[in-house]
Protein backbone atom coordinates (compact mmCIF):
# COMPACT_ATOMS: atom_id res chain seq x y z
CA ASP A 1 -51.02 -3.27 23.38
CA TRP A 2 -51.09 -6.67 22.10
CA ASN A 3 -54.51 -6.89 20.22
CA SER A 4 -53.68 -3.24 18.38
CA PRO A 5 -53.41 -4.23 14.49
CA ALA A 6 -50.16 -2.59 14.37
CA GLU A 7 -48.95 -5.40 16.55
CA ILE A 8 -50.63 -7.90 15.25
CA GLU A 9 -48.99 -7.09 11.48
CA LYS A 10 -45.51 -7.40 13.38
CA ASP A 11 -46.37 -10.49 14.72
CA THR A 12 -47.61 -11.77 11.37
CA VAL A 13 -44.61 -10.62 9.53
CA ALA A 14 -42.30 -12.24 12.27
CA PHE A 15 -44.19 -15.62 12.04
CA VAL A 16 -44.41 -15.68 8.14
CA LYS A 17 -40.71 -15.19 8.25
CA LEU A 18 -39.88 -17.89 10.87
CA MET A 19 -42.14 -20.34 9.06
CA HIS A 20 -40.48 -19.59 5.78
CA SER A 21 -36.79 -20.36 7.54
CA VAL A 22 -38.02 -23.44 8.99
CA ALA A 23 -39.12 -24.47 5.46
CA ALA A 24 -36.48 -24.08 3.83
CA ILE A 25 -34.20 -25.93 6.36
CA TYR A 26 -36.53 -28.95 5.92
CA MET A 27 -36.55 -28.91 2.46
CA TYR A 28 -32.62 -28.65 2.57
CA GLU A 29 -32.69 -31.73 4.89
CA TRP A 30 -35.33 -33.47 2.94
CA LEU A 31 -33.74 -33.01 -0.28
CA ILE A 32 -30.02 -34.43 0.73
CA SER A 33 -32.13 -37.50 2.44
CA LEU A 34 -33.37 -38.57 -0.91
CA ASP A 35 -30.62 -41.01 -1.70
CA PHE A 36 -30.80 -42.50 1.10
CA GLU A 37 -35.03 -43.31 -0.07
CA TRP A 38 -34.16 -43.86 -3.42
CA ASP A 39 -32.24 -46.55 -2.01
CA PHE A 40 -35.50 -48.19 -0.74
CA ILE A 41 -36.88 -47.81 -3.75
CA SER A 42 -33.94 -49.19 -6.30
CA GLY A 43 -34.40 -52.14 -4.14
CA LYS A 44 -30.78 -51.55 -2.49
CA LYS A 45 -31.81 -51.96 0.79
CA ARG A 46 -34.33 -53.55 2.32
CA PHE A 47 -37.80 -52.19 3.79
CA ARG A 48 -38.29 -53.14 7.51
CA TRP A 49 -41.44 -52.15 8.98
CA PRO A 50 -40.32 -49.38 11.34
CA MET A 51 -39.34 -47.41 7.98
CA ILE A 52 -42.72 -46.98 7.89
CA PHE A 53 -42.52 -44.34 10.68
CA TYR A 54 -39.95 -42.46 8.76
CA PHE A 55 -41.72 -42.23 5.56
CA LEU A 56 -45.10 -41.06 7.26
CA ASN A 57 -43.40 -38.33 9.70
CA ARG A 58 -40.98 -37.72 6.49
CA TYR A 59 -44.06 -36.92 4.02
CA CYS A 60 -46.34 -35.64 6.62
CA LEU A 61 -44.61 -32.65 7.71
CA LEU A 62 -43.71 -32.30 4.55
CA LEU A 63 -47.42 -31.62 3.74
CA ALA A 64 -48.16 -29.51 6.88
CA LEU A 65 -45.18 -27.06 5.78
CA ILE A 66 -46.11 -26.20 2.47
CA GLY A 67 -49.96 -26.50 3.60
CA MET A 68 -48.40 -23.17 6.10
């Protein structure tokens, strides 16, 4: 029965574990790409308009994963 409390509890536990795994993978990717971002902040690379989408996606996804 999909509506039983035991099944809902198992699904909740599985979802939480999945979200923690996804968040860990994204945080790893986020940390290893900080040097790319630092090059823009420090002026080593020129900022171009497509980077707006990169940074918007980067921080929106980070905030979404933190919010879950």
